[in-house]
């Protein structure tokens, strides 16, 4: 799942080297924290949050396939 989020984010941003995904596991499931350059936050979030919502949907589908629960946070 981490690779999926990294791939999508690196495809969208202008500075792909600044993309960092941290994975944190707790009792509720897995939390993926996505960090990008300040200039690229708008690209990752998208108009009215549509890009971020699409990324969350794809992550949710991948998590269901693996039988886990996952959330995406954009830092």
PDB file of N, CA and C in Angstrom:
ATOM      1  N   UNK A   1       0.822  -1.193   0.000  1.00  0.00           N
ATOM      2  CA  UNK A   1       0.000   0.000   0.000  1.00  0.00           C
ATOM      3  C   UNK A   1       0.863   1.252   0.000  1.00  0.00           C
ATOM      4  N   UNK A   2       1.990   1.177   0.694  1.00  0.00           N
ATOM      5  CA  UNK A   2       2.891   2.324   0.723  1.00  0.00           C
ATOM      6  C   UNK A   2       3.395   2.635  -0.684  1.00  0.00           C
ATOM      7  N   UNK A   3       3.729   1.589  -1.440  1.00  0.00           N
ATOM      8  CA  UNK A   3       4.228   1.787  -2.792  1.00  0.00           C
ATOM      9  C   UNK A   3       3.163   2.408  -3.688  1.00  0.00           C
ATOM     10  N   UNK A   4       1.902   2.037  -3.481  1.00  0.00           N
ATOM     11  CA  UNK A   4       0.814   2.595  -4.270  1.00  0.00           C
ATOM     12  C   UNK A   4       0.696   4.094  -4.040  1.00  0.00           C
ATOM     13  N   UNK A   5       0.710   4.506  -2.783  1.00  0.00           N
ATOM     14  CA  UNK A   5       0.588   5.931  -2.456  1.00  0.00           C
ATOM     15  C   UNK A   5       1.787   6.703  -2.981  1.00  0.00           C
ATOM     16  N   UNK A   6       2.985   6.142  -2.826  1.00  0.00           N
ATOM     17  CA  UNK A   6       4.190   6.805  -3.342  1.00  0.00           C
ATOM     18  C   UNK A   6       4.126   6.962  -4.853  1.00  0.00           C
ATOM     19  N   UNK A   7       3.708   5.923  -5.548  1.00  0.00           N
ATOM     20  CA  UNK A   7       3.637   5.966  -7.008  1.00  0.00           C
ATOM     21  C   UNK A   7       2.664   7.055  -7.483  1.00  0.00           C
ATOM     22  N   UNK A   8       1.497   7.094  -6.884  1.00  0.00           N
ATOM     23  CA  UNK A   8       0.500   8.087  -7.286  1.00  0.00           C
ATOM     24  C   UNK A   8       1.005   9.493  -6.999  1.00  0.00           C
ATOM     25  N   UNK A   9       1.543   9.698  -5.802  1.00  0.00           N
ATOM     26  CA  UNK A   9       2.016  11.032  -5.414  1.00  0.00           C
ATOM     27  C   UNK A   9       3.174  11.484  -6.295  1.00  0.00           C
ATOM     28  N   UNK A  10       4.123  10.591  -6.563  1.00  0.00           N
ATOM     29  CA  UNK A  10       5.261  10.975  -7.405  1.00  0.00           C
ATOM     30  C   UNK A  10       4.826  11.293  -8.834  1.00  0.00           C
ATOM     31  N   UNK A  11       3.749  10.681  -9.287  1.00  0.00           N
ATOM     32  CA  UNK A  11       3.244  10.957 -10.632  1.00  0.00           C
ATOM     33  C   UNK A  11       2.589  12.325 -10.725  1.00  0.00           C
ATOM     34  N   UNK A  12       2.078  12.817  -9.617  1.00  0.00           N
ATOM     35  CA  UNK A  12       1.321  14.072  -9.620  1.00  0.00           C
ATOM     36  C   UNK A  12       2.211  15.293  -9.394  1.00  0.00           C
ATOM     37  N   UNK A  13       3.163  15.203  -8.470  1.00  0.00           N
ATOM     38  CA  UNK A  13       3.922  16.373  -8.023  1.00  0.00           C
ATOM     39  C   UNK A  13       5.009  16.765  -9.005  1.00  0.00           C
ATOM     40  N   UNK A  14       5.527  17.991  -8.820  1.00  0.00           N
ATOM     41  CA  UNK A  14       6.615  18.482  -9.666  1.00  0.00           C
ATOM     42  C   UNK A  14       7.980  18.127  -9.086  1.00  0.00           C
ATOM     43  N   UNK A  15       8.038  17.864  -7.773  1.00  0.00           N
ATOM     44  CA  UNK A  15       9.293  17.467  -7.128  1.00  0.00           C
ATOM     45  C   UNK A  15       9.117  16.080  -6.503  1.00  0.00           C
ATOM     46  N   UNK A  16       9.249  15.026  -7.311  1.00  0.00           N
ATOM     47  CA  UNK A  16       8.993  13.671  -6.808  1.00  0.00           C
ATOM     48  C   UNK A  16       9.972  13.202  -5.734  1.00  0.00           C
ATOM     49  N   UNK A  17      11.156  13.817  -5.654  1.00  0.00           N
ATOM     50  CA  UNK A  17      12.120  13.401  -4.638  1.00  0.00           C
ATOM     51  C   UNK A  17      11.696  13.809  -3.234  1.00  0.00           C
ATOM     52  N   UNK A  18      10.773  14.748  -3.125  1.00  0.00           N
ATOM     53  CA  UNK A  18      10.341  15.224  -1.811  1.00  0.00           C
ATOM     54  C   UNK A  18       9.166  14.418  -1.246  1.00  0.00           C
ATOM     55  N   UNK A  19       8.699  13.412  -1.963  1.00  0.00           N
ATOM     56  CA  UNK A  19       7.568  12.603  -1.500  1.00  0.00           C
ATOM     57  C   UNK A  19       8.059  11.608  -0.449  1.00  0.00           C
ATOM     58  N   UNK A  20       7.412  11.640   0.722  1.00  0.00           N
ATOM     59  CA  UNK A  20       7.749  10.728   1.815  1.00  0.00           C
ATOM     60  C   UNK A  20       6.452  10.145   2.354  1.00  0.00           C
ATOM     61  N   UNK A  21       6.412   8.825   2.493  1.00  0.00           N
ATOM     62  CA  UNK A  21       5.240   8.152   3.060  1.00  0.00           C
ATOM     63  C   UNK A  21       5.692   7.406   4.314  1.00  0.00           C
ATOM     64  N   UNK A  22       5.116   7.775   5.452  1.00  0.00           N
ATOM     65  CA  UNK A  22       5.393   7.098   6.717  1.00  0.00           C
ATOM     66  C   UNK A  22       4.217   6.202   7.047  1.00  0.00           C
ATOM     67  N   UNK A  23       4.512   4.987   7.488  1.00  0.00           N
ATOM     68  CA  UNK A  23       3.479   4.012   7.816  1.00  0.00           C
ATOM     69  C   UNK A  23       3.460   3.815   9.327  1.00  0.00           C
ATOM     70  N   UNK A  24       2.274   3.917   9.893  1.00  0.00           N
ATOM     71  CA  UNK A  24       2.096   3.721  11.331  1.00  0.00           C
ATOM     72  C   UNK A  24       0.976   2.707  11.534  1.00  0.00           C
ATOM     73  N   UNK A  25       1.256   1.681  12.291  1.00  0.00           N
ATOM     74  CA  UNK A  25       0.256   0.649  12.543  1.00  0.00           C
ATOM     75  C   UNK A  25      -0.197   0.725  13.990  1.00  0.00           C
ATOM     76  N   UNK A  26      -1.515   0.703  14.194  1.00  0.00           N
ATOM     77  CA  UNK A  26      -2.067   0.686  15.546  1.00  0.00           C
ATOM     78  C   UNK A  26      -3.228  -0.298  15.587  1.00  0.00           C
ATOM     79  N   UNK A  27      -3.990  -0.277  16.665  1.00  0.00           N
ATOM     80  CA  UNK A  27      -5.073  -1.249  16.827  1.00  0.00           C
ATOM     81  C   UNK A  27      -6.210  -1.031  15.830  1.00  0.00           C
ATOM     82  N   UNK A  28      -6.377   0.207  15.335  1.00  0.00           N
ATOM     83  CA  UNK A  28      -7.443   0.509  14.372  1.00  0.00           C
ATOM     84  C   UNK A  28      -7.077   0.126  12.952  1.00  0.00           C
ATOM     85  N   UNK A  29      -5.815  -0.047  12.664  1.00  0.00           N
ATOM     86  CA  UNK A  29      -5.384  -0.380  11.317  1.00  0.00           C
ATOM     87  C   UNK A  29      -4.079   0.325  10.991  1.00  0.00           C
ATOM     88  N   UNK A  30      -3.911   0.661   9.732  1.00  0.00           N
ATOM     89  CA  UNK A  30      -2.693   1.293   9.255  1.00  0.00           C
ATOM     90  C   UNK A  30      -2.981   2.727   8.848  1.00  0.00           C
ATOM     91  N   UNK A  31      -2.099   3.639   9.259  1.00  0.00           N
ATOM     92  CA  UNK A  31      -2.210   5.038   8.870  1.00  0.00           C
ATOM     93  C   UNK A  31      -0.999   5.371   8.013  1.00  0.00           C
ATOM     94  N   UNK A  32      -1.241   5.856   6.816  1.00  0.00           N
ATOM     95  CA  UNK A  32      -0.170   6.286   5.925  1.00  0.00           C
ATOM     96  C   UNK A  32      -0.163   7.806   5.906  1.00  0.00           C
ATOM     97  N   UNK A  33       0.972   8.390   6.270  1.00  0.00           N
ATOM     98  CA  UNK A  33       1.100   9.845   6.291  1.00  0.00           C
ATOM     99  C   UNK A  33       1.938  10.268   5.084  1.00  0.00           C
ATOM    100  N   UNK A  34       1.338  11.055   4.224  1.00  0.00           N
ATOM    101  CA  UNK A  34       1.986  11.502   2.989  1.00  0.00           C
ATOM    102  C   UNK A  34       2.512  12.917   3.175  1.00  0.00           C
ATOM    103  N   UNK A  35       3.813  13.098   2.934  1.00  0.00           N
ATOM    104  CA  UNK A  35       4.429  14.414   3.001  1.00  0.00           C
ATOM    105  C   UNK A  35       4.973  14.767   1.628  1.00  0.00           C
ATOM    106  N   UNK A  36       4.666  15.975   1.183  1.00  0.00           N
ATOM    107  CA  UNK A  36       5.176  16.474  -0.092  1.00  0.00           C
ATOM    108  C   UNK A  36       5.713  17.878   0.131  1.00  0.00           C
ATOM    109  N   UNK A  37       6.362  18.426  -0.870  1.00  0.00           N
ATOM    110  CA  UNK A  37       6.867  19.791  -0.788  1.00  0.00           C
ATOM    111  C   UNK A  37       5.691  20.759  -0.653  1.00  0.00           C
ATOM    112  N   UNK A  38       5.884  21.872   0.037  1.00  0.00           N
ATOM    113  CA  UNK A  38       4.788  22.845   0.211  1.00  0.00           C
ATOM    114  C   UNK A  38       4.181  23.326  -1.103  1.00  0.00           C
ATOM    115  N   UNK A  39       4.993  23.409  -2.147  1.00  0.00           N
ATOM    116  CA  UNK A  39       4.483  23.862  -3.448  1.00  0.00           C
ATOM    117  C   UNK A  39       3.559  22.828  -4.087  1.00  0.00           C
ATOM    118  N   UNK A  40       3.708  21.571  -3.703  1.00  0.00           N
ATOM    119  CA  UNK A  40       2.953  20.492  -4.332  1.00  0.00           C
ATOM    120  C   UNK A  40       1.712  20.073  -3.545  1.00  0.00           C
ATOM    121  N   UNK A  41       1.469  20.663  -2.399  1.00  0.00           N
ATOM    122  CA  UNK A  41       0.301  20.263  -1.599  1.00  0.00           C
ATOM    123  C   UNK A  41      -1.002  20.462  -2.368  1.00  0.00           C
ATOM    124  N   UNK A  42      -1.098  21.540  -3.088  1.00  0.00           N
ATOM    125  CA  UNK A  42      -2.308  21.806  -3.869  1.00  0.00           C
ATOM    126  C   UNK A  42      -2.539  20.767  -4.941  1.00  0.00           C
ATOM    127  N   UNK A  43      -1.474  20.295  -5.548  1.00  0.00           N
ATOM    128  CA  UNK A  43      -1.606  19.258  -6.580  1.00  0.00           C
ATOM    129  C   UNK A  43      -2.095  17.942  -5.981  1.00  0.00           C
ATOM    130  N   UNK A  44      -1.596  17.603  -4.797  1.00  0.00           N
ATOM    131  CA  UNK A  44      -1.974  16.344  -4.160  1.00  0.00           C
ATOM    132  C   UNK A  44      -3.410  16.409  -3.635  1.00  0.00           C
ATOM    133  N   UNK A  45      -3.806  17.561  -3.133  1.00  0.00           N
ATOM    134  CA  UNK A  45      -5.168  17.702  -2.607  1.00  0.00           C
ATOM    135  C   UNK A  45      -6.166  17.848  -3.754  1.00  0.00           C
ATOM    136  N   UNK A  46      -5.839  18.652  -4.744  1.00  0.00           N
ATOM    137  CA  UNK A  46      -6.718  18.825  -5.892  1.00  0.00           C
ATOM    138  C   UNK A  46      -7.850  19.801  -5.621  1.00  0.00           C
ATOM    139  N   UNK A  47      -8.573  20.132  -6.656  1.00  0.00           N
ATOM    140  CA  UNK A  47      -9.701  21.048  -6.511  1.00  0.00           C
ATOM    141  C   UNK A  47     -10.792  20.383  -5.682  1.00  0.00           C
ATOM    142  N   UNK A  48     -11.194  21.058  -4.644  1.00  0.00           N
ATOM    143  CA  UNK A  48     -12.225  20.579  -3.720  1.00  0.00           C
ATOM    144  C   UNK A  48     -11.870  19.222  -3.137  1.00  0.00           C
ATOM    145  N   UNK A  49     -10.572  18.890  -3.087  1.00  0.00           N
ATOM    146  CA  UNK A  49     -10.117  17.650  -2.468  1.00  0.00           C
ATOM    147  C   UNK A  49     -10.379  16.400  -3.275  1.00  0.00           C
ATOM    148  N   UNK A  50     -10.632  16.555  -4.559  1.00  0.00           N
ATOM    149  CA  UNK A  50     -10.990  15.390  -5.370  1.00  0.00           C
ATOM    150  C   UNK A  50      -9.832  14.434  -5.598  1.00  0.00           C
ATOM    151  N   UNK A  51      -8.619  14.941  -5.767  1.00  0.00           N
ATOM    152  CA  UNK A  51      -7.466  14.070  -5.972  1.00  0.00           C
ATOM    153  C   UNK A  51      -7.176  13.295  -4.685  1.00  0.00           C
ATOM    154  N   UNK A  52      -7.215  13.984  -3.559  1.00  0.00           N
ATOM    155  CA  UNK A  52      -6.988  13.315  -2.274  1.00  0.00           C
ATOM    156  C   UNK A  52      -8.054  12.255  -2.021  1.00  0.00           C
ATOM    157  N   UNK A  53      -9.279  12.555  -2.340  1.00  0.00           N
ATOM    158  CA  UNK A  53     -10.360  11.583  -2.147  1.00  0.00           C
ATOM    159  C   UNK A  53     -10.177  10.370  -3.050  1.00  0.00           C
ATOM    160  N   UNK A  54      -9.718  10.589  -4.272  1.00  0.00           N
ATOM    161  CA  UNK A  54      -9.471   9.470  -5.185  1.00  0.00           C
ATOM    162  C   UNK A  54      -8.334   8.592  -4.669  1.00  0.00           C
ATOM    163  N   UNK A  55      -7.292   9.216  -4.129  1.00  0.00           N
ATOM    164  CA  UNK A  55      -6.185   8.445  -3.563  1.00  0.00           C
ATOM    165  C   UNK A  55      -6.664   7.628  -2.362  1.00  0.00           C
ATOM    166  N   UNK A  56      -7.504   8.206  -1.541  1.00  0.00           N
ATOM    167  CA  UNK A  56      -8.038   7.486  -0.381  1.00  0.00           C
ATOM    168  C   UNK A  56      -8.902   6.301  -0.819  1.00  0.00           C
ATOM    169  N   UNK A  57      -9.661   6.497  -1.887  1.00  0.00           N
ATOM    170  CA  UNK A  57     -10.502   5.411  -2.393  1.00  0.00           C
ATOM    171  C   UNK A  57      -9.653   4.258  -2.904  1.00  0.00           C
ATOM    172  N   UNK A  58      -8.620   4.558  -3.667  1.00  0.00           N
ATOM    173  CA  UNK A  58      -7.728   3.504  -4.171  1.00  0.00           C
ATOM    174  C   UNK A  58      -7.015   2.793  -3.027  1.00  0.00           C
ATOM    175  N   UNK A  59      -6.611   3.545  -2.009  1.00  0.00           N
ATOM    176  CA  UNK A  59      -5.964   2.944  -0.850  1.00  0.00           C
ATOM    177  C   UNK A  59      -6.924   2.022  -0.110  1.00  0.00           C
ATOM    178  N   UNK A  60      -8.162   2.452   0.025  1.00  0.00           N
ATOM    179  CA  UNK A  60      -9.164   1.629   0.700  1.00  0.00           C
ATOM    180  C   UNK A  60      -9.385   0.311  -0.043  1.00  0.00           C
ATOM    181  N   UNK A  61      -9.425   0.361  -1.371  1.00  0.00           N
ATOM    182  CA  UNK A  61      -9.600  -0.852  -2.178  1.00  0.00           C
ATOM    183  C   UNK A  61      -8.406  -1.787  -1.998  1.00  0.00           C
ATOM    184  N   UNK A  62      -7.195  -1.240  -2.019  1.00  0.00           N
ATOM    185  CA  UNK A  62      -6.003  -2.065  -1.837  1.00  0.00           C
ATOM    186  C   UNK A  62      -5.978  -2.669  -0.430  1.00  0.00           C
ATOM    187  N   UNK A  63      -6.426  -1.922   0.551  1.00  0.00           N
ATOM    188  CA  UNK A  63      -6.443  -2.428   1.932  1.00  0.00           C
ATOM    189  C   UNK A  63      -7.455  -3.557   2.092  1.00  0.00           C
ATOM    190  N   UNK A  64      -8.602  -3.427   1.459  1.00  0.00           N
ATOM    191  CA  UNK A  64      -9.615  -4.482   1.542  1.00  0.00           C
ATOM    192  C   UNK A  64      -9.091  -5.759   0.911  1.00  0.00           C
ATOM    193  N   UNK A  65      -8.370  -5.633  -0.172  1.00  0.00           N
ATOM    194  CA  UNK A  65      -7.792  -6.821  -0.822  1.00  0.00           C
ATOM    195  C   UNK A  65      -6.821  -7.542   0.103  1.00  0.00           C
ATOM    196  N   UNK A  66      -6.097  -6.771   0.933  1.00  0.00           N
ATOM    197  CA  UNK A  66      -5.139  -7.370   1.859  1.00  0.00           C
ATOM    198  C   UNK A  66      -5.786  -7.746   3.185  1.00  0.00           C
ATOM    199  N   UNK A  67      -7.026  -7.349   3.370  1.00  0.00           N
ATOM    200  CA  UNK A  67      -7.734  -7.700   4.598  1.00  0.00           C
ATOM    201  C   UNK A  67      -7.389  -6.835   5.786  1.00  0.00           C
ATOM    202  N   UNK A  68      -6.954  -5.606   5.531  1.00  0.00           N
ATOM    203  CA  UNK A  68      -6.613  -4.674   6.602  1.00  0.00           C
ATOM    204  C   UNK A  68      -7.414  -3.382   6.423  1.00  0.00           C
ATOM    205  N   UNK A  69      -7.265  -2.499   7.384  1.00  0.00           N
ATOM    206  CA  UNK A  69      -7.925  -1.194   7.312  1.00  0.00           C
ATOM    207  C   UNK A  69      -6.842  -0.130   7.207  1.00  0.00           C
ATOM    208  N   UNK A  70      -7.001   0.814   6.286  1.00  0.00           N
ATOM    209  CA  UNK A  70      -5.963   1.828   6.069  1.00  0.00           C
ATOM    210  C   UNK A  70      -6.588   3.203   5.897  1.00  0.00           C
ATOM    211  N   UNK A  71      -5.841   4.218   6.346  1.00  0.00           N
ATOM    212  CA  UNK A  71      -6.232   5.613   6.201  1.00  0.00           C
ATOM    213  C   UNK A  71      -5.081   6.385   5.615  1.00  0.00           C
ATOM    214  N   UNK A  72      -5.400   7.436   4.870  1.00  0.00           N
ATOM    215  CA  UNK A  72      -4.375   8.297   4.290  1.00  0.00           C
ATOM    216  C   UNK A  72      -4.502   9.688   4.888  1.00  0.00           C
ATOM    217  N   UNK A  73      -3.399  10.196   5.420  1.00  0.00           N
ATOM    218  CA  UNK A  73      -3.350  11.562   5.931  1.00  0.00           C
ATOM    219  C   UNK A  73      -2.319  12.319   5.123  1.00  0.00           C
ATOM    220  N   UNK A  74      -2.687  13.507   4.688  1.00  0.00           N
ATOM    221  CA  UNK A  74      -1.759  14.365   3.951  1.00  0.00           C
ATOM    222  C   UNK A  74      -1.249  15.416   4.932  1.00  0.00           C
ATOM    223  N   UNK A  75       0.057  15.376   5.188  1.00  0.00           N
ATOM    224  CA  UNK A  75       0.661  16.262   6.189  1.00  0.00           C
ATOM    225  C   UNK A  75       1.162  17.515   5.515  1.00  0.00           C
TER     226      UNK A  75
END
